[in-house]
Amino acid sequence: MKNLKPPSLFTVALALCLCAGAAAQVTEDHTPADGSPDHRDASIAADDRIVAALKQALELATSKAVAVTGKPDGFLDNEAIRILLPPQLQSVGKAMRLIGEGDTVDELEVGMNRAAERSTPQAKQIFLDALKKMTFRDARHILGSGDTAATEYFQKTCSADLATAFAPIVHGSLQRIGVLKRYDRVIKAAPGGNAIANEFDLDKYVVGKTLDGLFYEVGQEEIRIRTNPAAQTTALLKDVFARK
């Protein structure tokens, strides 16, 4: 057997360098500075807090808006959302008041507002269902956008369902309290009343105005929570909205 020559110092040094480089590469591949498990966990936790805070804020805002609009006189005594005669009938309403028929006009307006007040409680569950479907991307966009971004999100995602839920309640209420009969009287007094009756849907008008009023109140509540520390009633809301 031939005698083996001992490895040279150069060979040993080279081997050590290669081993050290490989170890460094393994360390770099598995624990990068900005992707460590601790960093990722902290990022996920922060994302969860953002979503939780926004959902909490929106549940508060929608619940208050439903409570405000769904109570007796919730529409009628609120100048910002009170439902008035349709534009097509404004001139007729004025004329009827001049000839002593103002009570008919008033009763028609009161009836439309009562129908709106009876329908809005249906919105609560629809809003809650929409919140369950909200993604982190939705929440991040809403949090970083305008003061009524969440309200606009609800308008896009909930309007069709709300209109479907409101329609039978509005129609039943208008019929039960005699609004449709009063509407017929106003229409008959209007020049070209038959044309207006054929082109205009009172149910649809009241449902649309109910949605407008409800979303107006949701928007007002959203603005308060975003901008007024006193409206940030939990530690989570204060933490997230104060740092936005």
C-alpha atoms as a PDB file:
ATOM      1  CA  MET A   1       0.000   0.000   0.000  1.00  0.00           C
ATOM      2  CA  LYS A   2       1.319   3.447  -0.909  1.00  0.00           C
ATOM      3  CA  ASN A   3       1.812   6.016   1.866  1.00  0.00           C
ATOM      4  CA  LEU A   4      -0.815   8.715   1.740  1.00  0.00           C
ATOM      5  CA  LYS A   5       0.456  12.247   1.884  1.00  0.00           C
ATOM      6  CA  PRO A   6      -1.079  14.398   4.579  1.00  0.00           C
ATOM      7  CA  PRO A   7      -3.317  17.196   3.198  1.00  0.00           C
ATOM      8  CA  SER A   8      -1.646  20.490   2.689  1.00  0.00           C
ATOM      9  CA  LEU A   9      -2.487  23.524   4.825  1.00  0.00           C
ATOM     10  CA  PHE A  10      -4.033  25.150   1.761  1.00  0.00           C
ATOM     11  CA  THR A  11      -6.419  22.205   1.249  1.00  0.00           C
ATOM     12  CA  VAL A  12      -7.507  22.282   4.892  1.00  0.00           C
ATOM     13  CA  ALA A  13      -8.088  26.044   4.801  1.00  0.00           C
ATOM     14  CA  LEU A  14     -10.125  25.779   1.617  1.00  0.00           C
ATOM     15  CA  ALA A  15     -12.310  23.062   3.081  1.00  0.00           C
ATOM     16  CA  LEU A  16     -12.973  25.093   6.203  1.00  0.00           C
ATOM     17  CA  CYS A  17     -13.960  28.124   4.131  1.00  0.00           C
ATOM     18  CA  LEU A  18     -16.385  26.076   2.028  1.00  0.00           C
ATOM     19  CA  CYS A  19     -18.013  24.588   5.135  1.00  0.00           C
ATOM     20  CA  ALA A  20     -18.382  28.011   6.722  1.00  0.00           C
ATOM     21  CA  GLY A  21     -19.924  29.434   3.550  1.00  0.00           C
ATOM     22  CA  ALA A  22     -22.384  26.561   3.308  1.00  0.00           C
ATOM     23  CA  ALA A  23     -23.416  27.037   6.919  1.00  0.00           C
ATOM     24  CA  ALA A  24     -23.940  30.743   6.360  1.00  0.00           C
ATOM     25  CA  GLN A  25     -26.043  30.002   3.275  1.00  0.00           C
ATOM     26  CA  VAL A  26     -28.272  27.614   5.225  1.00  0.00           C
ATOM     27  CA  THR A  27     -28.715  30.233   7.939  1.00  0.00           C
ATOM     28  CA  GLU A  28     -29.543  32.896   5.378  1.00  0.00           C
ATOM     29  CA  ASP A  29     -32.059  30.683   3.539  1.00  0.00           C
ATOM     30  CA  HIS A  30     -33.981  29.681   6.650  1.00  0.00           C
ATOM     31  CA  THR A  31     -33.894  32.783   8.845  1.00  0.00           C
ATOM     32  CA  PRO A  32     -33.764  35.934   6.739  1.00  0.00           C
ATOM     33  CA  ALA A  33     -33.699  39.162   8.721  1.00  0.00           C
ATOM     34  CA  ASP A  34     -37.106  40.391   7.558  1.00  0.00           C
ATOM     35  CA  GLY A  35     -38.864  37.035   7.425  1.00  0.00           C
ATOM     36  CA  SER A  36     -38.200  35.493  10.789  1.00  0.00           C
ATOM     37  CA  PRO A  37     -41.014  33.570  12.481  1.00  0.00           C
ATOM     38  CA  ASP A  38     -41.294  36.303  15.102  1.00  0.00           C
ATOM     39  CA  HIS A  39     -41.611  38.972  12.401  1.00  0.00           C
ATOM     40  CA  ARG A  40     -44.255  37.003  10.520  1.00  0.00           C
ATOM     41  CA  ASP A  41     -46.249  36.323  13.688  1.00  0.00           C
ATOM     42  CA  ALA A  42     -46.189  40.014  14.617  1.00  0.00           C
ATOM     43  CA  SER A  43     -47.365  40.986  11.127  1.00  0.00           C
ATOM     44  CA  ILE A  44     -50.258  38.499  11.237  1.00  0.00           C
ATOM     45  CA  ALA A  45     -51.249  39.713  14.696  1.00  0.00           C
ATOM     46  CA  ALA A  46     -51.246  43.337  13.496  1.00  0.00           C
ATOM     47  CA  ASP A  47     -53.404  42.418  10.499  1.00  0.00           C
ATOM     48  CA  ASP A  48     -55.861  40.587  12.746  1.00  0.00           C
ATOM     49  CA  ARG A  49     -56.139  43.632  15.014  1.00  0.00           C
ATOM     50  CA  ILE A  50     -56.863  45.900  12.056  1.00  0.00           C
ATOM     51  CA  VAL A  51     -59.649  43.657  10.777  1.00  0.00           C
ATOM     52  CA  ALA A  52     -61.078  43.127  14.267  1.00  0.00           C
ATOM     53  CA  ALA A  53     -61.066  46.854  15.042  1.00  0.00           C
ATOM     54  CA  LEU A  54     -62.707  47.807  11.769  1.00  0.00           C
ATOM     55  CA  LYS A  55     -65.400  45.161  12.117  1.00  0.00           C
ATOM     56  CA  GLN A  56     -66.031  46.299  15.668  1.00  0.00           C
ATOM     57  CA  ALA A  57     -66.326  49.911  14.513  1.00  0.00           C
ATOM     58  CA  LEU A  58     -68.690  49.017  11.692  1.00  0.00           C
ATOM     59  CA  GLU A  59     -70.862  46.848  13.891  1.00  0.00           C
ATOM     60  CA  LEU A  60     -71.216  49.800  16.258  1.00  0.00           C
ATOM     61  CA  ALA A  61     -71.891  52.255  13.426  1.00  0.00           C
ATOM     62  CA  THR A  62     -74.503  50.127  11.674  1.00  0.00           C
ATOM     63  CA  SER A  63     -76.243  49.162  14.931  1.00  0.00           C
ATOM     64  CA  LYS A  64     -76.572  52.819  15.943  1.00  0.00           C
ATOM     65  CA  ALA A  65     -77.769  53.839  12.482  1.00  0.00           C
ATOM     66  CA  VAL A  66     -80.423  51.120  12.479  1.00  0.00           C
ATOM     67  CA  ALA A  67     -81.530  52.116  15.985  1.00  0.00           C
ATOM     68  CA  VAL A  68     -81.752  55.803  15.049  1.00  0.00           C
ATOM     69  CA  THR A  69     -83.698  55.283  11.840  1.00  0.00           C
ATOM     70  CA  GLY A  70     -85.852  52.368  12.992  1.00  0.00           C
ATOM     71  CA  LYS A  71     -87.466  54.069  15.977  1.00  0.00           C
ATOM     72  CA  PRO A  72     -90.744  56.064  15.840  1.00  0.00           C
ATOM     73  CA  ASP A  73     -90.072  59.410  14.150  1.00  0.00           C
ATOM     74  CA  GLY A  74     -86.572  58.229  13.231  1.00  0.00           C
ATOM     75  CA  PHE A  75     -87.110  59.536   9.705  1.00  0.00           C
ATOM     76  CA  LEU A  76     -89.956  61.943  10.287  1.00  0.00           C
ATOM     77  CA  ASP A  77     -88.187  64.138  12.873  1.00  0.00           C
ATOM     78  CA  ASN A  78     -84.769  64.014  11.228  1.00  0.00           C
ATOM     79  CA  GLU A  79     -84.516  66.861   8.732  1.00  0.00           C
ATOM     80  CA  ALA A  80     -81.472  65.269   7.081  1.00  0.00           C
ATOM     81  CA  ILE A  81     -83.328  62.100   6.041  1.00  0.00           C
ATOM     82  CA  ARG A  82     -87.041  62.939   6.211  1.00  0.00           C
ATOM     83  CA  ILE A  83     -88.856  61.644   3.133  1.00  0.00           C
ATOM     84  CA  LEU A  84     -90.692  64.419   1.305  1.00  0.00           C
ATOM     85  CA  LEU A  85     -93.103  64.319  -1.607  1.00  0.00           C
ATOM     86  CA  PRO A  86     -91.459  63.054  -4.792  1.00  0.00           C
ATOM     87  CA  PRO A  87     -90.162  65.843  -7.059  1.00  0.00           C
ATOM     88  CA  GLN A  88     -92.894  64.988  -9.590  1.00  0.00           C
ATOM     89  CA  LEU A  89     -95.524  65.917  -6.998  1.00  0.00           C
ATOM     90  CA  GLN A  90     -93.975  68.929  -5.279  1.00  0.00           C
ATOM     91  CA  SER A  91     -95.932  71.472  -7.295  1.00  0.00           C
ATOM     92  CA  VAL A  92     -99.139  69.491  -6.786  1.00  0.00           C
ATOM     93  CA  GLY A  93     -98.531  69.400  -3.057  1.00  0.00           C
ATOM     94  CA  LYS A  94     -98.160  73.177  -2.923  1.00  0.00           C
ATOM     95  CA  ALA A  95    -101.348  73.644  -4.906  1.00  0.00           C
ATOM     96  CA  MET A  96    -103.262  71.285  -2.636  1.00  0.00           C
ATOM     97  CA  ARG A  97    -102.120  73.211   0.430  1.00  0.00           C
ATOM     98  CA  LEU A  98    -103.421  76.406  -1.148  1.00  0.00           C
ATOM     99  CA  ILE A  99    -106.889  74.923  -1.592  1.00  0.00           C
ATOM    100  CA  GLY A 100    -107.090  73.521   1.939  1.00  0.00           C
ATOM    101  CA  GLU A 101    -105.926  69.971   1.152  1.00  0.00           C
ATOM    102  CA  GLY A 102    -102.697  70.278   3.116  1.00  0.00           C
ATOM    103  CA  ASP A 103    -103.727  67.497   5.522  1.00  0.00           C
ATOM    104  CA  THR A 104    -103.754  65.003   2.651  1.00  0.00           C
ATOM    105  CA  VAL A 105    -100.222  65.980   1.682  1.00  0.00           C
ATOM    106  CA  ASP A 106     -99.018  65.807   5.295  1.00  0.00           C
ATOM    107  CA  GLU A 107    -100.586  62.396   5.829  1.00  0.00           C
ATOM    108  CA  LEU A 108     -98.928  61.119   2.670  1.00  0.00           C
ATOM    109  CA  GLU A 109     -95.503  62.287   3.844  1.00  0.00           C
ATOM    110  CA  VAL A 110     -96.018  60.918   7.363  1.00  0.00           C
ATOM    111  CA  GLY A 111     -97.060  57.565   5.920  1.00  0.00           C
ATOM    112  CA  MET A 112     -93.953  57.310   3.726  1.00  0.00           C
ATOM    113  CA  ASN A 113     -91.707  58.024   6.710  1.00  0.00           C
ATOM    114  CA  ARG A 114     -93.528  55.499   8.888  1.00  0.00           C
ATOM    115  CA  ALA A 115     -92.972  52.853   6.224  1.00  0.00           C
ATOM    116  CA  ALA A 116     -89.252  53.647   6.172  1.00  0.00           C
ATOM    117  CA  GLU A 117     -89.010  53.443   9.971  1.00  0.00           C
ATOM    118  CA  ARG A 118     -90.658  50.024   9.999  1.00  0.00           C
ATOM    119  CA  SER A 119     -88.324  48.569   7.395  1.00  0.00           C
ATOM    120  CA  THR A 120     -84.851  49.635   8.577  1.00  0.00           C
ATOM    121  CA  PRO A 121     -84.519  47.113  11.467  1.00  0.00           C
ATOM    122  CA  GLN A 122     -84.186  44.450   8.750  1.00  0.00           C
ATOM    123  CA  ALA A 123     -80.814  45.967   7.861  1.00  0.00           C
ATOM    124  CA  LYS A 124     -78.999  44.841  11.004  1.00  0.00           C
ATOM    125  CA  GLN A 125     -78.534  41.199  10.027  1.00  0.00           C
ATOM    126  CA  ILE A 126     -77.672  42.105   6.440  1.00  0.00           C
ATOM    127  CA  PHE A 127     -74.885  44.385   7.662  1.00  0.00           C
ATOM    128  CA  LEU A 128     -73.585  41.676  10.013  1.00  0.00           C
ATOM    129  CA  ASP A 129     -73.513  39.148   7.164  1.00  0.00           C
ATOM    130  CA  ALA A 130     -71.514  41.598   5.044  1.00  0.00           C
ATOM    131  CA  LEU A 131     -69.007  42.050   7.875  1.00  0.00           C
ATOM    132  CA  LYS A 132     -68.398  38.294   8.033  1.00  0.00           C
ATOM    133  CA  LYS A 133     -67.406  38.325   4.366  1.00  0.00           C
ATOM    134  CA  MET A 134     -65.011  41.276   4.687  1.00  0.00           C
ATOM    135  CA  THR A 135     -61.398  40.374   3.840  1.00  0.00           C
ATOM    136  CA  PHE A 136     -58.198  41.871   5.191  1.00  0.00           C
ATOM    137  CA  ARG A 137     -57.679  43.623   1.860  1.00  0.00           C
ATOM    138  CA  ASP A 138     -61.145  45.209   2.181  1.00  0.00           C
ATOM    139  CA  ALA A 139     -60.397  46.270   5.757  1.00  0.00           C
ATOM    140  CA  ARG A 140     -57.003  47.762   4.934  1.00  0.00           C
ATOM    141  CA  HIS A 141     -58.476  49.728   2.013  1.00  0.00           C
ATOM    142  CA  ILE A 142     -61.356  51.016   4.143  1.00  0.00           C
ATOM    143  CA  LEU A 143     -59.112  51.989   7.042  1.00  0.00           C
ATOM    144  CA  GLY A 144     -56.768  53.968   4.805  1.00  0.00           C
ATOM    145  CA  SER A 145     -59.454  55.655   2.700  1.00  0.00           C
ATOM    146  CA  GLY A 146     -61.917  58.498   3.270  1.00  0.00           C
ATOM    147  CA  ASP A 147     -64.052  59.040   6.345  1.00  0.00           C
ATOM    148  CA  THR A 148     -67.046  57.241   4.809  1.00  0.00           C
ATOM    149  CA  ALA A 149     -65.192  54.469   2.961  1.00  0.00           C
ATOM    150  CA  ALA A 150     -66.901  51.749   5.006  1.00  0.00           C
ATOM    151  CA  THR A 151     -70.320  53.240   4.282  1.00  0.00           C
ATOM    152  CA  GLU A 152     -69.496  53.176   0.576  1.00  0.00           C
ATOM    153  CA  TYR A 153     -68.402  49.532   0.948  1.00  0.00           C
ATOM    154  CA  PHE A 154     -71.787  48.696   2.478  1.00  0.00           C
ATOM    155  CA  GLN A 155     -73.603  50.571  -0.263  1.00  0.00           C
ATOM    156  CA  LYS A 156     -71.854  48.427  -2.877  1.00  0.00           C
ATOM    157  CA  THR A 157     -72.268  45.107  -1.094  1.00  0.00           C
ATOM    158  CA  CYS A 158     -75.614  45.458   0.695  1.00  0.00           C
ATOM    159  CA  SER A 159     -77.914  47.769  -1.299  1.00  0.00           C
ATOM    160  CA  ALA A 160     -79.518  45.027  -3.398  1.00  0.00           C
ATOM    161  CA  ASP A 161     -80.196  42.805  -0.375  1.00  0.00           C
ATOM    162  CA  LEU A 162     -81.511  45.727   1.645  1.00  0.00           C
ATOM    163  CA  ALA A 163     -83.868  46.820  -1.124  1.00  0.00           C
ATOM    164  CA  THR A 164     -85.192  43.259  -1.419  1.00  0.00           C
ATOM    165  CA  ALA A 165     -85.752  43.079   2.353  1.00  0.00           C
ATOM    166  CA  PHE A 166     -87.346  46.528   2.579  1.00  0.00           C
ATOM    167  CA  ALA A 167     -89.718  46.270  -0.404  1.00  0.00           C
ATOM    168  CA  PRO A 168     -92.453  44.033   1.073  1.00  0.00           C
ATOM    169  CA  ILE A 169     -92.367  45.858   4.424  1.00  0.00           C
ATOM    170  CA  VAL A 170     -92.669  49.250   2.760  1.00  0.00           C
ATOM    171  CA  HIS A 171     -95.496  48.097   0.502  1.00  0.00           C
ATOM    172  CA  GLY A 172     -97.402  46.464   3.360  1.00  0.00           C
ATOM    173  CA  SER A 173     -96.978  49.538   5.542  1.00  0.00           C
ATOM    174  CA  LEU A 174     -98.078  51.957   2.814  1.00  0.00           C
ATOM    175  CA  GLN A 175    -101.123  49.837   2.148  1.00  0.00           C
ATOM    176  CA  ARG A 176    -102.019  49.264   5.799  1.00  0.00           C
ATOM    177  CA  ILE A 177    -101.939  52.893   6.886  1.00  0.00           C
ATOM    178  CA  GLY A 178    -103.747  54.188   3.827  1.00  0.00           C
ATOM    179  CA  VAL A 179    -100.850  55.944   2.116  1.00  0.00           C
ATOM    180  CA  LEU A 180    -101.662  54.468  -1.272  1.00  0.00           C
ATOM    181  CA  LYS A 181    -105.198  55.893  -1.135  1.00  0.00           C
ATOM    182  CA  ARG A 182    -103.839  59.327  -0.239  1.00  0.00           C
ATOM    183  CA  TYR A 183    -101.323  59.017  -3.053  1.00  0.00           C
ATOM    184  CA  ASP A 184    -104.162  58.286  -5.477  1.00  0.00           C
ATOM    185  CA  ARG A 185    -105.933  61.464  -4.327  1.00  0.00           C
ATOM    186  CA  VAL A 186    -102.814  63.546  -4.903  1.00  0.00           C
ATOM    187  CA  ILE A 187    -102.267  61.975  -8.311  1.00  0.00           C
ATOM    188  CA  LYS A 188    -105.844  62.673  -9.376  1.00  0.00           C
ATOM    189  CA  ALA A 189    -105.387  66.325  -8.422  1.00  0.00           C
ATOM    190  CA  ALA A 190    -102.211  66.626 -10.494  1.00  0.00           C
ATOM    191  CA  PRO A 191    -102.214  67.898 -14.090  1.00  0.00           C
ATOM    192  CA  GLY A 192    -101.349  64.873 -16.185  1.00  0.00           C
ATOM    193  CA  GLY A 193    -101.858  62.654 -13.148  1.00  0.00           C
ATOM    194  CA  ASN A 194    -102.442  59.493 -15.157  1.00  0.00           C
ATOM    195  CA  ALA A 195     -99.070  59.855 -16.869  1.00  0.00           C
ATOM    196  CA  ILE A 196     -97.348  60.356 -13.504  1.00  0.00           C
ATOM    197  CA  ALA A 197     -99.091  57.288 -12.057  1.00  0.00           C
ATOM    198  CA  ASN A 198     -97.958  55.120 -14.969  1.00  0.00           C
ATOM    199  CA  GLU A 199     -94.346  56.313 -14.807  1.00  0.00           C
ATOM    200  CA  PHE A 200     -93.845  56.631 -11.061  1.00  0.00           C
ATOM    201  CA  ASP A 201     -93.549  53.783  -8.511  1.00  0.00           C
ATOM    202  CA  LEU A 202     -94.244  55.027  -4.978  1.00  0.00           C
ATOM    203  CA  ASP A 203     -92.966  51.810  -3.357  1.00  0.00           C
ATOM    204  CA  LYS A 204     -89.664  52.059  -5.196  1.00  0.00           C
ATOM    205  CA  TYR A 205     -89.343  55.739  -4.293  1.00  0.00           C
ATOM    206  CA  VAL A 206     -89.832  55.074  -0.564  1.00  0.00           C
ATOM    207  CA  VAL A 207     -87.427  52.115  -0.584  1.00  0.00           C
ATOM    208  CA  GLY A 208     -84.779  54.246  -2.308  1.00  0.00           C
ATOM    209  CA  LYS A 209     -85.223  57.090   0.173  1.00  0.00           C
ATOM    210  CA  THR A 210     -85.082  54.623   3.064  1.00  0.00           C
ATOM    211  CA  LEU A 211     -81.720  53.369   1.803  1.00  0.00           C
ATOM    212  CA  ASP A 212     -80.468  56.935   1.398  1.00  0.00           C
ATOM    213  CA  GLY A 213     -81.434  57.806   4.959  1.00  0.00           C
ATOM    214  CA  LEU A 214     -79.975  54.654   6.450  1.00  0.00           C
ATOM    215  CA  PHE A 215     -76.633  55.052   4.682  1.00  0.00           C
ATOM    216  CA  TYR A 216     -76.511  58.716   5.639  1.00  0.00           C
ATOM    217  CA  GLU A 217     -76.732  57.736   9.308  1.00  0.00           C
ATOM    218  CA  VAL A 218     -74.165  54.943   8.897  1.00  0.00           C
ATOM    219  CA  GLY A 219     -71.822  57.516   7.358  1.00  0.00           C
ATOM    220  CA  GLN A 220     -72.322  59.932  10.232  1.00  0.00           C
ATOM    221  CA  GLU A 221     -71.523  57.217  12.758  1.00  0.00           C
ATOM    222  CA  GLU A 222     -68.454  56.139  10.794  1.00  0.00           C
ATOM    223  CA  ILE A 223     -67.118  59.704  10.751  1.00  0.00           C
ATOM    224  CA  ARG A 224     -67.613  59.993  14.512  1.00  0.00           C
ATOM    225  CA  ILE A 225     -65.709  56.786  15.218  1.00  0.00           C
ATOM    226  CA  ARG A 226     -62.838  57.762  12.933  1.00  0.00           C
ATOM    227  CA  THR A 227     -62.439  61.330  14.136  1.00  0.00           C
ATOM    228  CA  ASN A 228     -63.809  61.590  17.665  1.00  0.00           C
ATOM    229  CA  PRO A 229     -61.813  59.841  20.421  1.00  0.00           C
ATOM    230  CA  ALA A 230     -64.919  59.834  22.607  1.00  0.00           C
ATOM    231  CA  ALA A 231     -66.658  57.609  20.036  1.00  0.00           C
ATOM    232  CA  GLN A 232     -63.793  55.088  20.119  1.00  0.00           C
ATOM    233  CA  THR A 233     -65.373  53.271  23.009  1.00  0.00           C
ATOM    234  CA  THR A 234     -63.041  50.259  23.286  1.00  0.00           C
ATOM    235  CA  ALA A 235     -59.279  49.868  23.724  1.00  0.00           C
ATOM    236  CA  LEU A 236     -59.050  48.135  20.349  1.00  0.00           C
ATOM    237  CA  LEU A 237     -60.744  51.022  18.530  1.00  0.00           C
ATOM    238  CA  LYS A 238     -58.499  53.583  20.241  1.00  0.00           C
ATOM    239  CA  ASP A 239     -55.380  51.585  19.416  1.00  0.00           C
ATOM    240  CA  VAL A 240     -56.073  51.102  15.718  1.00  0.00           C
ATOM    241  CA  PHE A 241     -57.808  54.370  14.803  1.00  0.00           C
ATOM    242  CA  ALA A 242     -55.433  56.564  16.809  1.00  0.00           C
ATOM    243  CA  ARG A 243     -52.474  55.175  14.830  1.00  0.00           C
ATOM    244  CA  LYS A 244     -54.141  55.258  11.411  1.00  0.00           C
END
